[in-house]
Each structure stands twice: as structure tokens, then as C-alpha cells.
Amino acid sequence: MTDILIVDDSATDRALAGGLLRQEGHFEVRYASGAHEALREIDQRCPDVVLTDLNMPDLDGLELLKAIHKRHPDLPVILMTGRGSEWTAVQALRTGAASYVPKDSLAQLLVETVVRVQVLARQNQAQVRLMSCVRRKEVRFELPNDPEVLASLVQYLQSAVSGLSACGQSDRVRLGVALQEALTNACFHGNLEVSSSLKDGDMHRYYDLARERSRQPPYMHRKIEVLAKLNEDEIYIRIRDEGPGFDPRVIPDPTDLENLERPSGRGLLLMQTFMDEVHYNDVGNEVVMIKRCGAAPSAEDPVPDRSNG
């Protein structure tokens, strides 16, 4: 059973999030009504994942995240965001949160997000020890549009970066989240041509269409090419799909207040926040992501002044 601690001052929201997770049958759910209670719970019995609201009266979710990372740096934290907490969410992601879920989209995204983060946080320790001997590595893959294969690649690359002395467990989880989002984009939006706009409406239709197209030509024959270069200074990942591409200039800003709470904007925000550089080619079917070892996103970046609207 995966042990999840849900932190929220709203009893209704705690019950909603906990109910969604309990329905899956393999989550043990505990609750805390505020940050101080959460820290006591964590010190007494550390969970596998913390799921926390951002707006709380004693300490907000950002301050809780900082306290958790100081005391339990390897414990992944997922944010629940609501209207009015958008920029705090961006700061929290820069500080070290593993992912986020808009409260308006808990039913569609919560379980998937928690499962993904928990899997990425779980390491095969023998594999980690082996990969810790690696100092430089370059690998190429040609992958099918199979989510299980893509998830295996993410775990493989996570293990591969274990040998980088400046890359800790928290960095590996966040790298895994960024990789998973980029590979998912290449598979669903690139090769299978499933529009991300469906996420803002019927999530079942989104996944049903992807399954249909994974068995239909020409979509089923398209591959995903991945090049990974890892060394002590830098992690370089290039992902190319065989879809028609898109115009990168029309990508909406995921940090814009109007876009941050939309399910279709989460992946790009997480990629841009967790990696130091994210670049698309002109065609839009290739993305390059770079993470400099030892470089962590700053939580002190200025928050835009929204007082003038």
C-alpha cells in the first residue's frame, strides 16, 4: 500500500481527495488539517507522498514544502492548487514540489498524478548502486507509442543519473516528471495527434481516442526517438516524434493566470520549471531539455506584480 498524507484545512476537500485515492484500492490515506499537524505526522511516520493544499491559515503550502524539504529532502510533495494560488504554485514548483493538480480537476487528474510521482520516486536500490558507477553515458532509443515502455525509459534514465554527484533524489523525481510529460506529449499529441484541448473537457474521450489511434495506421507505425547524454555537468535529452508537429510560437504561456489551472497546460509548465532549458525545433516535433547538475530553480524569483490587473 502507498501511504499518502493529505494536508488541507477544508474537511470537504480532504474528504474529496481521500475518496478519489481510496477508490483505487492501493492507497492508505491519512489526513492533516494544517501544516503543523502535517509535520508532526511526517516526523512520526513518514508517508510515501504528501498531497497538500496551498492556501492554509497557519503555514501555507509553500512554507510546508520548505519545511518538509529541510527535514525530509527525499519526500515528494504534490500541490493542490486553486484560483488565486497560481503564482504561489509556481514558486512551490521552483522550490521543489514534484507536481501539482488544480482542485477543479481532481477527479480527472489526481490519481494519475499521485501514481506517476510515486512510481518515479521509487527506486530499485541495486540498480541505483550500479548506475552510481557511471560518469558519462550516451544512449539512443526508438520507441513505440506504448505508455508502459515510455515509463520504463523514464525509470531507466532516472537510474542513470544516480551517478551524478550533484543530482539528489528530489532532482531525480522532478527530472522523471519532466521526462514523462515530454514523452507523453510526443506520444499523444505528436504521433497519435490527440488534441490537448480534450483534456479540458472529456478526459475519457482523450484516452479512448489515443487507444483507438494506437491501433490504426498511420499513427501506429510512428516512433519516438530519444537521445540522452549524461555527464557530471549536464543532462541533455532530445525527444523527436514522427507526427506533423505544430507551431511552437503559438504555445500558450503555462504560467499565465488564465492557463495555469487548465489540465492541458500542466505538462509544459512542469517541463519548463524542472529543467533549465526547454527548446522546440521550428517544426514542433522535437524538444530538447537540458538540466545542469547542481543547478536548482530558485524560489526567490520575483513574483509578478498583479496589483494593476
C-alpha atoms as a PDB file:
ATOM      1  CA  MET A   1       0.000   0.000   0.000  1.00  0.00           C
ATOM      2  CA  THR A   2       1.173   3.514  -0.826  1.00  0.00           C
ATOM      3  CA  ASP A   3       0.945   5.817   2.207  1.00  0.00           C
ATOM      4  CA  ILE A   4      -0.453   9.259   1.262  1.00  0.00           C
ATOM      5  CA  LEU A   5      -0.726  12.199   3.673  1.00  0.00           C
ATOM      6  CA  ILE A   6      -3.371  14.742   2.582  1.00  0.00           C
ATOM      7  CA  VAL A   7      -2.984  18.216   4.082  1.00  0.00           C
ATOM      8  CA  ASP A   8      -5.881  20.669   3.775  1.00  0.00           C
ATOM      9  CA  ASP A   9      -7.738  22.896   6.231  1.00  0.00           C
ATOM     10  CA  SER A  10     -11.004  22.157   4.388  1.00  0.00           C
ATOM     11  CA  ALA A  11     -12.641  18.950   5.622  1.00  0.00           C
ATOM     12  CA  THR A  12     -14.659  18.778   2.406  1.00  0.00           C
ATOM     13  CA  ASP A  13     -11.585  18.978   0.182  1.00  0.00           C
ATOM     14  CA  ARG A  14      -9.714  16.443   2.332  1.00  0.00           C
ATOM     15  CA  ALA A  15     -12.594  14.018   2.011  1.00  0.00           C
ATOM     16  CA  LEU A  16     -12.867  14.558  -1.749  1.00  0.00           C
ATOM     17  CA  ALA A  17      -9.151  13.936  -2.396  1.00  0.00           C
ATOM     18  CA  GLY A  18      -9.037  10.999   0.012  1.00  0.00           C
ATOM     19  CA  GLY A  19     -12.137   9.415  -1.500  1.00  0.00           C
ATOM     20  CA  LEU A  20     -10.700   9.580  -5.006  1.00  0.00           C
ATOM     21  CA  LEU A  21      -7.494   7.875  -3.863  1.00  0.00           C
ATOM     22  CA  ARG A  22      -9.230   5.242  -1.713  1.00  0.00           C
ATOM     23  CA  GLN A  23     -11.338   4.177  -4.678  1.00  0.00           C
ATOM     24  CA  GLU A  24      -8.191   2.832  -6.336  1.00  0.00           C
ATOM     25  CA  GLY A  25      -7.723   0.293  -3.563  1.00  0.00           C
ATOM     26  CA  HIS A  26      -3.940   0.522  -3.156  1.00  0.00           C
ATOM     27  CA  PHE A  27      -3.585   3.807  -1.255  1.00  0.00           C
ATOM     28  CA  GLU A  28      -3.510   4.180   2.523  1.00  0.00           C
ATOM     29  CA  VAL A  29      -4.728   7.719   3.175  1.00  0.00           C
ATOM     30  CA  ARG A  30      -4.014   9.837   6.254  1.00  0.00           C
ATOM     31  CA  TYR A  31      -5.107  13.391   6.894  1.00  0.00           C
ATOM     32  CA  ALA A  32      -3.819  16.598   8.477  1.00  0.00           C
ATOM     33  CA  SER A  33      -5.850  19.795   8.800  1.00  0.00           C
ATOM     34  CA  GLY A  34      -2.831  22.106   8.727  1.00  0.00           C
ATOM     35  CA  ALA A  35       0.906  22.338   8.193  1.00  0.00           C
ATOM     36  CA  HIS A  36       1.964  21.947  11.832  1.00  0.00           C
ATOM     37  CA  GLU A  37      -0.143  18.806  12.229  1.00  0.00           C
ATOM     38  CA  ALA A  38       1.281  17.522   8.946  1.00  0.00           C
ATOM     39  CA  LEU A  39       4.874  17.962  10.115  1.00  0.00           C
ATOM     40  CA  ARG A  40       4.115  16.047  13.309  1.00  0.00           C
ATOM     41  CA  GLU A  41       2.539  13.239  11.273  1.00  0.00           C
ATOM     42  CA  ILE A  42       5.534  13.114   8.932  1.00  0.00           C
ATOM     43  CA  ASP A  43       8.042  13.017  11.795  1.00  0.00           C
ATOM     44  CA  GLN A  44       6.121  10.197  13.481  1.00  0.00           C
ATOM     45  CA  ARG A  45       5.635   8.128  10.311  1.00  0.00           C
ATOM     46  CA  CYS A  46       6.961   9.373   7.024  1.00  0.00           C
ATOM     47  CA  PRO A  47       4.497   8.804   4.157  1.00  0.00           C
ATOM     48  CA  ASP A  48       5.394   7.903   0.595  1.00  0.00           C
ATOM     49  CA  VAL A  49       3.835  11.094  -0.835  1.00  0.00           C
ATOM     50  CA  VAL A  50       2.435  14.323   0.636  1.00  0.00           C
ATOM     51  CA  LEU A  51      -0.540  15.950  -1.106  1.00  0.00           C
ATOM     52  CA  THR A  52      -1.064  19.481   0.182  1.00  0.00           C
ATOM     53  CA  ASP A  53      -3.304  22.468  -0.379  1.00  0.00           C
ATOM     54  CA  LEU A  54      -1.526  25.786  -0.932  1.00  0.00           C
ATOM     55  CA  ASN A  55      -3.894  28.091   0.974  1.00  0.00           C
ATOM     56  CA  MET A  56      -3.909  27.261   4.699  1.00  0.00           C
ATOM     57  CA  PRO A  57      -4.196  29.550   7.733  1.00  0.00           C
ATOM     58  CA  ASP A  58      -1.203  28.527   9.891  1.00  0.00           C
ATOM     59  CA  LEU A  59       1.508  27.854   7.303  1.00  0.00           C
ATOM     60  CA  ASP A  60       0.681  27.828   3.621  1.00  0.00           C
ATOM     61  CA  GLY A  61       1.643  25.003   1.299  1.00  0.00           C
ATOM     62  CA  LEU A  62       4.836  26.752   0.180  1.00  0.00           C
ATOM     63  CA  GLU A  63       6.109  27.094   3.749  1.00  0.00           C
ATOM     64  CA  LEU A  64       5.130  23.490   4.453  1.00  0.00           C
ATOM     65  CA  LEU A  65       7.052  22.378   1.366  1.00  0.00           C
ATOM     66  CA  LYS A  66      10.175  24.229   2.549  1.00  0.00           C
ATOM     67  CA  ALA A  67       9.908  22.639   5.998  1.00  0.00           C
ATOM     68  CA  ILE A  68       9.460  19.154   4.531  1.00  0.00           C
ATOM     69  CA  HIS A  69      12.445  19.532   2.221  1.00  0.00           C
ATOM     70  CA  LYS A  70      14.597  20.684   5.116  1.00  0.00           C
ATOM     71  CA  ARG A  71      13.650  17.716   7.300  1.00  0.00           C
ATOM     72  CA  HIS A  72      12.844  15.057   4.685  1.00  0.00           C
ATOM     73  CA  PRO A  73      14.517  16.117   1.408  1.00  0.00           C
ATOM     74  CA  ASP A  74      13.579  12.930  -0.479  1.00  0.00           C
ATOM     75  CA  LEU A  75       9.851  13.048   0.314  1.00  0.00           C
ATOM     76  CA  PRO A  76       7.850  14.007  -2.812  1.00  0.00           C
ATOM     77  CA  VAL A  77       5.223  16.725  -2.370  1.00  0.00           C
ATOM     78  CA  ILE A  78       2.290  17.299  -4.748  1.00  0.00           C
ATOM     79  CA  LEU A  79       0.340  20.564  -4.657  1.00  0.00           C
ATOM     80  CA  MET A  80      -3.404  21.076  -4.887  1.00  0.00           C
ATOM     81  CA  THR A  81      -3.936  24.491  -6.441  1.00  0.00           C
ATOM     82  CA  GLY A  82      -6.992  26.720  -6.592  1.00  0.00           C
ATOM     83  CA  ARG A  83      -7.941  30.044  -8.050  1.00  0.00           C
ATOM     84  CA  GLY A  84      -5.809  32.783  -6.529  1.00  0.00           C
ATOM     85  CA  SER A  85      -2.851  30.499  -5.678  1.00  0.00           C
ATOM     86  CA  GLU A  86      -1.337  30.349  -9.162  1.00  0.00           C
ATOM     87  CA  TRP A  87       1.888  32.242  -8.523  1.00  0.00           C
ATOM     88  CA  THR A  88       2.417  30.580  -5.168  1.00  0.00           C
ATOM     89  CA  ALA A  89       2.159  27.297  -7.054  1.00  0.00           C
ATOM     90  CA  VAL A  90       4.875  28.399  -9.479  1.00  0.00           C
ATOM     91  CA  GLN A  91       7.128  29.334  -6.550  1.00  0.00           C
ATOM     92  CA  ALA A  92       6.461  25.981  -4.889  1.00  0.00           C
ATOM     93  CA  LEU A  93       7.322  24.090  -8.070  1.00  0.00           C
ATOM     94  CA  ARG A  94      10.555  26.058  -8.291  1.00  0.00           C
ATOM     95  CA  THR A  95      11.257  25.274  -4.637  1.00  0.00           C
ATOM     96  CA  GLY A  96      10.967  21.524  -5.093  1.00  0.00           C
ATOM     97  CA  ALA A  97       7.381  20.285  -5.382  1.00  0.00           C
ATOM     98  CA  ALA A  98       7.118  17.191  -7.563  1.00  0.00           C
ATOM     99  CA  SER A  99       3.893  18.112  -9.373  1.00  0.00           C
ATOM    100  CA  TYR A 100       0.554  19.849  -8.973  1.00  0.00           C
ATOM    101  CA  VAL A 101      -3.145  19.231  -9.577  1.00  0.00           C
ATOM    102  CA  PRO A 102      -5.752  22.001  -9.990  1.00  0.00           C
ATOM    103  CA  LYS A 103      -8.547  21.476  -7.459  1.00  0.00           C
ATOM    104  CA  ASP A 104     -11.060  21.907 -10.255  1.00  0.00           C
ATOM    105  CA  SER A 105      -9.527  18.835 -11.951  1.00  0.00           C
ATOM    106  CA  LEU A 106      -9.040  16.474  -9.007  1.00  0.00           C
ATOM    107  CA  ALA A 107     -11.457  13.902 -10.396  1.00  0.00           C
ATOM    108  CA  GLN A 108      -9.644  13.788 -13.746  1.00  0.00           C
ATOM    109  CA  LEU A 109      -6.003  14.164 -12.714  1.00  0.00           C
ATOM    110  CA  LEU A 110      -5.384  13.353  -9.035  1.00  0.00           C
ATOM    111  CA  VAL A 111      -4.959   9.579  -9.121  1.00  0.00           C
ATOM    112  CA  GLU A 112      -2.864   9.654 -12.307  1.00  0.00           C
ATOM    113  CA  THR A 113      -0.580  12.331 -10.847  1.00  0.00           C
ATOM    114  CA  VAL A 114      -0.082  10.602  -7.497  1.00  0.00           C
ATOM    115  CA  VAL A 115       0.634   7.243  -9.146  1.00  0.00           C
ATOM    116  CA  ARG A 116       3.106   8.801 -11.544  1.00  0.00           C
ATOM    117  CA  VAL A 117       5.040  10.645  -8.834  1.00  0.00           C
ATOM    118  CA  GLN A 118       5.054   7.651  -6.503  1.00  0.00           C
ATOM    119  CA  VAL A 119       6.404   5.361  -9.238  1.00  0.00           C
ATOM    120  CA  LEU A 120       9.072   7.878 -10.187  1.00  0.00           C
ATOM    121  CA  ALA A 121      10.122   8.253  -6.548  1.00  0.00           C
ATOM    122  CA  ARG A 122      10.509   4.509  -6.051  1.00  0.00           C
ATOM    123  CA  GLN A 123      13.999   3.362  -6.913  1.00  0.00           C
ATOM    124  CA  ASN A 124      15.480  -0.083  -7.347  1.00  0.00           C
ATOM    125  CA  GLN A 125      18.373   0.379  -4.934  1.00  0.00           C
ATOM    126  CA  ALA A 126      20.581  -2.282  -6.557  1.00  0.00           C
ATOM    127  CA  GLN A 127      20.122  -0.564  -9.912  1.00  0.00           C
ATOM    128  CA  VAL A 128      20.905   2.796  -8.294  1.00  0.00           C
ATOM    129  CA  ARG A 129      24.159   1.448  -6.849  1.00  0.00           C
ATOM    130  CA  LEU A 130      25.170   0.074 -10.252  1.00  0.00           C
ATOM    131  CA  MET A 131      24.337   3.286 -12.068  1.00  0.00           C
ATOM    132  CA  SER A 132      26.218   5.301  -9.448  1.00  0.00           C
ATOM    133  CA  CYS A 133      29.386   3.969 -11.058  1.00  0.00           C
ATOM    134  CA  VAL A 134      28.530   5.660 -14.372  1.00  0.00           C
ATOM    135  CA  ARG A 135      30.184   9.021 -15.017  1.00  0.00           C
ATOM    136  CA  ARG A 136      29.266   9.598 -18.646  1.00  0.00           C
ATOM    137  CA  LYS A 137      26.605   7.967 -20.770  1.00  0.00           C
ATOM    138  CA  GLU A 138      25.024   8.459 -24.180  1.00  0.00           C
ATOM    139  CA  VAL A 139      22.085   6.332 -25.280  1.00  0.00           C
ATOM    140  CA  ARG A 140      19.600   6.359 -28.171  1.00  0.00           C
ATOM    141  CA  PHE A 141      16.171   4.758 -28.278  1.00  0.00           C
ATOM    142  CA  GLU A 142      13.492   4.237 -30.905  1.00  0.00           C
ATOM    143  CA  LEU A 143      10.267   3.667 -29.003  1.00  0.00           C
ATOM    144  CA  PRO A 144       6.708   2.590 -29.835  1.00  0.00           C
ATOM    145  CA  ASN A 145       3.649   4.528 -28.673  1.00  0.00           C
ATOM    146  CA  ASP A 146       3.329   2.366 -25.580  1.00  0.00           C
ATOM    147  CA  PRO A 147       2.924   4.192 -22.218  1.00  0.00           C
ATOM    148  CA  GLU A 148       4.459   1.257 -20.315  1.00  0.00           C
ATOM    149  CA  VAL A 149       7.603   1.331 -22.472  1.00  0.00           C
ATOM    150  CA  LEU A 150       7.834   5.098 -22.075  1.00  0.00           C
ATOM    151  CA  ALA A 151       7.512   4.777 -18.292  1.00  0.00           C
ATOM    152  CA  SER A 152      10.292   2.155 -18.291  1.00  0.00           C
ATOM    153  CA  LEU A 153      12.563   4.548 -20.176  1.00  0.00           C
ATOM    154  CA  VAL A 154      11.915   7.266 -17.606  1.00  0.00           C
ATOM    155  CA  GLN A 155      12.865   4.919 -14.770  1.00  0.00           C
ATOM    156  CA  TYR A 156      15.976   3.784 -16.664  1.00  0.00           C
ATOM    157  CA  LEU A 157      17.168   7.366 -17.191  1.00  0.00           C
ATOM    158  CA  GLN A 158      16.391   8.215 -13.577  1.00  0.00           C
ATOM    159  CA  SER A 159      18.674   5.380 -12.503  1.00  0.00           C
ATOM    160  CA  ALA A 160      21.308   6.507 -14.998  1.00  0.00           C
ATOM    161  CA  VAL A 161      21.561   9.957 -13.425  1.00  0.00           C
ATOM    162  CA  SER A 162      22.156   8.401  -9.992  1.00  0.00           C
ATOM    163  CA  GLY A 163      25.876   8.509 -10.668  1.00  0.00           C
ATOM    164  CA  LEU A 164      25.841  12.284 -10.962  1.00  0.00           C
ATOM    165  CA  SER A 165      27.015  13.514  -7.591  1.00  0.00           C
ATOM    166  CA  ALA A 166      25.051  16.776  -7.726  1.00  0.00           C
ATOM    167  CA  CYS A 167      21.761  15.068  -8.611  1.00  0.00           C
ATOM    168  CA  GLY A 168      19.822  14.093  -5.487  1.00  0.00           C
ATOM    169  CA  GLN A 169      16.626  12.069  -5.091  1.00  0.00           C
ATOM    170  CA  SER A 170      14.411  15.155  -5.351  1.00  0.00           C
ATOM    171  CA  ASP A 171      16.135  16.148  -8.602  1.00  0.00           C
ATOM    172  CA  ARG A 172      15.657  12.629  -9.989  1.00  0.00           C
ATOM    173  CA  VAL A 173      11.937  12.685  -9.266  1.00  0.00           C
ATOM    174  CA  ARG A 174      11.488  16.100 -10.870  1.00  0.00           C
ATOM    175  CA  LEU A 175      13.596  15.045 -13.859  1.00  0.00           C
ATOM    176  CA  GLY A 176      11.387  11.973 -14.172  1.00  0.00           C
ATOM    177  CA  VAL A 177       8.231  14.090 -14.125  1.00  0.00           C
ATOM    178  CA  ALA A 178       9.593  16.380 -16.867  1.00  0.00           C
ATOM    179  CA  LEU A 179      10.647  13.381 -18.976  1.00  0.00           C
ATOM    180  CA  GLN A 180       7.297  11.673 -18.540  1.00  0.00           C
ATOM    181  CA  GLU A 181       5.449  14.820 -19.625  1.00  0.00           C
ATOM    182  CA  ALA A 182       7.661  15.303 -22.697  1.00  0.00           C
ATOM    183  CA  LEU A 183       7.335  11.664 -23.757  1.00  0.00           C
ATOM    184  CA  THR A 184       3.580  11.751 -23.219  1.00  0.00           C
ATOM    185  CA  ASN A 185       3.364  14.841 -25.419  1.00  0.00           C
ATOM    186  CA  ALA A 186       5.401  13.122 -28.144  1.00  0.00           C
ATOM    187  CA  CYS A 187       3.177  10.046 -28.000  1.00  0.00           C
ATOM    188  CA  PHE A 188      -0.317  11.500 -27.543  1.00  0.00           C
ATOM    189  CA  HIS A 189      -0.070  14.921 -29.178  1.00  0.00           C
ATOM    190  CA  GLY A 190       2.699  14.150 -31.681  1.00  0.00           C
ATOM    191  CA  ASN A 191       2.398  10.644 -33.074  1.00  0.00           C
ATOM    192  CA  LEU A 192      -1.256   9.970 -32.206  1.00  0.00           C
ATOM    193  CA  GLU A 193      -2.391  13.554 -32.910  1.00  0.00           C
ATOM    194  CA  VAL A 194      -4.752  13.690 -29.933  1.00  0.00           C
ATOM    195  CA  SER A 195      -5.508  17.330 -29.158  1.00  0.00           C
ATOM    196  CA  SER A 196      -4.642  18.511 -25.660  1.00  0.00           C
ATOM    197  CA  SER A 197      -7.835  20.584 -25.701  1.00  0.00           C
ATOM    198  CA  LEU A 198      -9.767  17.349 -24.997  1.00  0.00           C
ATOM    199  CA  LYS A 199      -8.212  17.380 -21.510  1.00  0.00           C
ATOM    200  CA  ASP A 200     -10.218  20.484 -20.717  1.00  0.00           C
ATOM    201  CA  GLY A 201     -13.425  18.604 -21.445  1.00  0.00           C
ATOM    202  CA  ASP A 202     -13.917  14.825 -21.547  1.00  0.00           C
ATOM    203  CA  MET A 203     -10.791  13.058 -20.240  1.00  0.00           C
ATOM    204  CA  HIS A 204     -12.291   9.659 -21.090  1.00  0.00           C
ATOM    205  CA  ARG A 205     -12.632  10.722 -24.727  1.00  0.00           C
ATOM    206  CA  TYR A 206      -8.994  11.868 -24.670  1.00  0.00           C
ATOM    207  CA  TYR A 207      -7.686   8.443 -23.611  1.00  0.00           C
ATOM    208  CA  ASP A 208     -10.189   6.486 -25.710  1.00  0.00           C
ATOM    209  CA  LEU A 209      -9.096   8.335 -28.856  1.00  0.00           C
ATOM    210  CA  ALA A 210      -5.436   7.668 -28.033  1.00  0.00           C
ATOM    211  CA  ARG A 211      -6.121   3.933 -27.656  1.00  0.00           C
ATOM    212  CA  GLU A 212      -8.036   3.856 -30.933  1.00  0.00           C
ATOM    213  CA  ARG A 213      -5.280   5.573 -32.876  1.00  0.00           C
ATOM    214  CA  SER A 214      -2.524   3.428 -31.345  1.00  0.00           C
ATOM    215  CA  ARG A 215      -4.058   0.544 -33.340  1.00  0.00           C
ATOM    216  CA  GLN A 216      -4.697   2.470 -36.580  1.00  0.00           C
ATOM    217  CA  PRO A 217      -2.342   3.427 -39.425  1.00  0.00           C
ATOM    218  CA  PRO A 218      -0.561   5.737 -39.927  1.00  0.00           C
ATOM    219  CA  TYR A 219      -0.437   6.535 -36.194  1.00  0.00           C
ATOM    220  CA  MET A 220       0.513   3.046 -35.013  1.00  0.00           C
ATOM    221  CA  HIS A 221       3.661   2.948 -37.152  1.00  0.00           C
ATOM    222  CA  ARG A 222       5.155   6.183 -35.849  1.00  0.00           C
ATOM    223  CA  LYS A 223       8.087   6.009 -33.440  1.00  0.00           C
ATOM    224  CA  ILE A 224       9.594   8.243 -30.763  1.00  0.00           C
ATOM    225  CA  GLU A 225      13.336   8.840 -30.988  1.00  0.00           C
ATOM    226  CA  VAL A 226      15.154   9.700 -27.752  1.00  0.00           C
ATOM    227  CA  LEU A 227      18.767  10.780 -27.369  1.00  0.00           C
ATOM    228  CA  ALA A 228      20.129  11.142 -23.837  1.00  0.00           C
ATOM    229  CA  LYS A 229      23.588  12.492 -22.965  1.00  0.00           C
ATOM    230  CA  LEU A 230      24.512  12.381 -19.298  1.00  0.00           C
ATOM    231  CA  ASN A 231      27.675  13.636 -17.642  1.00  0.00           C
ATOM    232  CA  GLU A 232      28.740  15.250 -14.376  1.00  0.00           C
ATOM    233  CA  ASP A 233      27.843  18.733 -15.596  1.00  0.00           C
ATOM    234  CA  GLU A 234      24.709  18.359 -17.655  1.00  0.00           C
ATOM    235  CA  ILE A 235      21.758  16.159 -18.583  1.00  0.00           C
ATOM    236  CA  TYR A 236      20.714  16.566 -22.219  1.00  0.00           C
ATOM    237  CA  ILE A 237      17.538  14.922 -23.525  1.00  0.00           C
ATOM    238  CA  ARG A 238      16.268  15.183 -27.100  1.00  0.00           C
ATOM    239  CA  ILE A 239      12.837  13.725 -27.924  1.00  0.00           C
ATOM    240  CA  ARG A 240      11.542  13.606 -31.506  1.00  0.00           C
ATOM    241  CA  ASP A 241       8.226  12.223 -32.716  1.00  0.00           C
ATOM    242  CA  GLU A 242       7.059  11.451 -36.277  1.00  0.00           C
ATOM    243  CA  GLY A 243       3.852  13.458 -36.128  1.00  0.00           C
ATOM    244  CA  PRO A 244       3.072  16.559 -38.194  1.00  0.00           C
ATOM    245  CA  GLY A 245       4.351  18.903 -35.499  1.00  0.00           C
ATOM    246  CA  PHE A 246       2.951  22.304 -34.555  1.00  0.00           C
ATOM    247  CA  ASP A 247       3.974  25.950 -34.463  1.00  0.00           C
ATOM    248  CA  PRO A 248       5.897  26.428 -31.175  1.00  0.00           C
ATOM    249  CA  ARG A 249       5.240  30.156 -31.357  1.00  0.00           C
ATOM    250  CA  VAL A 250       1.560  29.620 -30.554  1.00  0.00           C
ATOM    251  CA  ILE A 251       2.125  27.643 -27.327  1.00  0.00           C
ATOM    252  CA  PRO A 252       0.203  29.481 -24.591  1.00  0.00           C
ATOM    253  CA  ASP A 253       2.247  30.636 -21.623  1.00  0.00           C
ATOM    254  CA  PRO A 254       1.544  27.963 -18.968  1.00  0.00           C
ATOM    255  CA  THR A 255       2.344  30.440 -16.159  1.00  0.00           C
ATOM    256  CA  ASP A 256      -0.342  32.850 -17.324  1.00  0.00           C
ATOM    257  CA  LEU A 257      -3.123  33.071 -14.737  1.00  0.00           C
ATOM    258  CA  GLU A 258      -5.678  32.052 -17.360  1.00  0.00           C
ATOM    259  CA  ASN A 259      -3.733  28.907 -18.315  1.00  0.00           C
ATOM    260  CA  LEU A 260      -2.204  27.635 -15.082  1.00  0.00           C
ATOM    261  CA  GLU A 261      -5.360  25.908 -13.850  1.00  0.00           C
ATOM    262  CA  ARG A 262      -6.145  24.235 -17.188  1.00  0.00           C
ATOM    263  CA  PRO A 263      -5.292  20.500 -17.329  1.00  0.00           C
ATOM    264  CA  SER A 264      -3.804  20.934 -20.814  1.00  0.00           C
ATOM    265  CA  GLY A 265      -1.154  23.360 -19.570  1.00  0.00           C
ATOM    266  CA  ARG A 266       0.374  21.287 -16.770  1.00  0.00           C
ATOM    267  CA  GLY A 267       2.928  19.324 -18.784  1.00  0.00           C
ATOM    268  CA  LEU A 268       4.699  22.287 -20.324  1.00  0.00           C
ATOM    269  CA  LEU A 269       4.765  24.165 -17.020  1.00  0.00           C
ATOM    270  CA  LEU A 270       6.366  21.185 -15.259  1.00  0.00           C
ATOM    271  CA  MET A 271       8.925  20.735 -18.048  1.00  0.00           C
ATOM    272  CA  GLN A 272       9.882  24.417 -18.046  1.00  0.00           C
ATOM    273  CA  THR A 273      10.061  24.581 -14.257  1.00  0.00           C
ATOM    274  CA  PHE A 274      12.018  21.389 -13.611  1.00  0.00           C
ATOM    275  CA  MET A 275      14.548  21.755 -16.460  1.00  0.00           C
ATOM    276  CA  ASP A 276      16.966  24.643 -17.020  1.00  0.00           C
ATOM    277  CA  GLU A 277      16.274  24.856 -20.752  1.00  0.00           C
ATOM    278  CA  VAL A 278      13.402  23.637 -22.949  1.00  0.00           C
ATOM    279  CA  HIS A 279      13.575  24.266 -26.705  1.00  0.00           C
ATOM    280  CA  TYR A 280      11.387  23.126 -29.612  1.00  0.00           C
ATOM    281  CA  ASN A 281      12.524  22.922 -33.230  1.00  0.00           C
ATOM    282  CA  ASP A 282      10.773  25.026 -35.849  1.00  0.00           C
ATOM    283  CA  VAL A 283       8.577  22.101 -36.956  1.00  0.00           C
ATOM    284  CA  GLY A 284       7.429  21.403 -33.403  1.00  0.00           C
ATOM    285  CA  ASN A 285       8.096  17.644 -33.455  1.00  0.00           C
ATOM    286  CA  GLU A 286      11.317  17.788 -31.421  1.00  0.00           C
ATOM    287  CA  VAL A 287      12.034  19.090 -27.936  1.00  0.00           C
ATOM    288  CA  VAL A 288      15.419  19.452 -26.251  1.00  0.00           C
ATOM    289  CA  MET A 289      15.556  19.623 -22.463  1.00  0.00           C
ATOM    290  CA  ILE A 290      18.695  20.449 -20.509  1.00  0.00           C
ATOM    291  CA  LYS A 291      19.300  20.128 -16.778  1.00  0.00           C
ATOM    292  CA  ARG A 292      22.567  21.435 -15.355  1.00  0.00           C
ATOM    293  CA  CYS A 293      23.689  19.332 -12.424  1.00  0.00           C
ATOM    294  CA  GLY A 294      23.686  21.200  -9.156  1.00  0.00           C
ATOM    295  CA  ALA A 295      21.511  23.973 -10.586  1.00  0.00           C
ATOM    296  CA  ALA A 296      18.208  24.192  -8.758  1.00  0.00           C
ATOM    297  CA  PRO A 297      15.354  26.504  -9.653  1.00  0.00           C
ATOM    298  CA  SER A 298      15.328  29.494  -7.333  1.00  0.00           C
ATOM    299  CA  ALA A 299      12.414  30.062  -5.013  1.00  0.00           C
ATOM    300  CA  GLU A 300      13.431  33.695  -4.746  1.00  0.00           C
ATOM    301  CA  ASP A 301      12.478  34.622  -8.283  1.00  0.00           C
ATOM    302  CA  PRO A 302      10.308  37.739  -8.151  1.00  0.00           C
ATOM    303  CA  VAL A 303       6.585  37.180  -8.325  1.00  0.00           C
ATOM    304  CA  PRO A 304       4.961  39.387 -10.953  1.00  0.00           C
ATOM    305  CA  ASP A 305       3.058  42.378  -9.590  1.00  0.00           C
ATOM    306  CA  ARG A 306      -0.631  41.774 -10.322  1.00  0.00           C
ATOM    307  CA  SER A 307      -1.919  44.816  -8.446  1.00  0.00           C
ATOM    308  CA  ASN A 308      -2.710  46.594 -11.710  1.00  0.00           C
ATOM    309  CA  GLY A 309      -4.718  43.675 -13.076  1.00  0.00           C
END
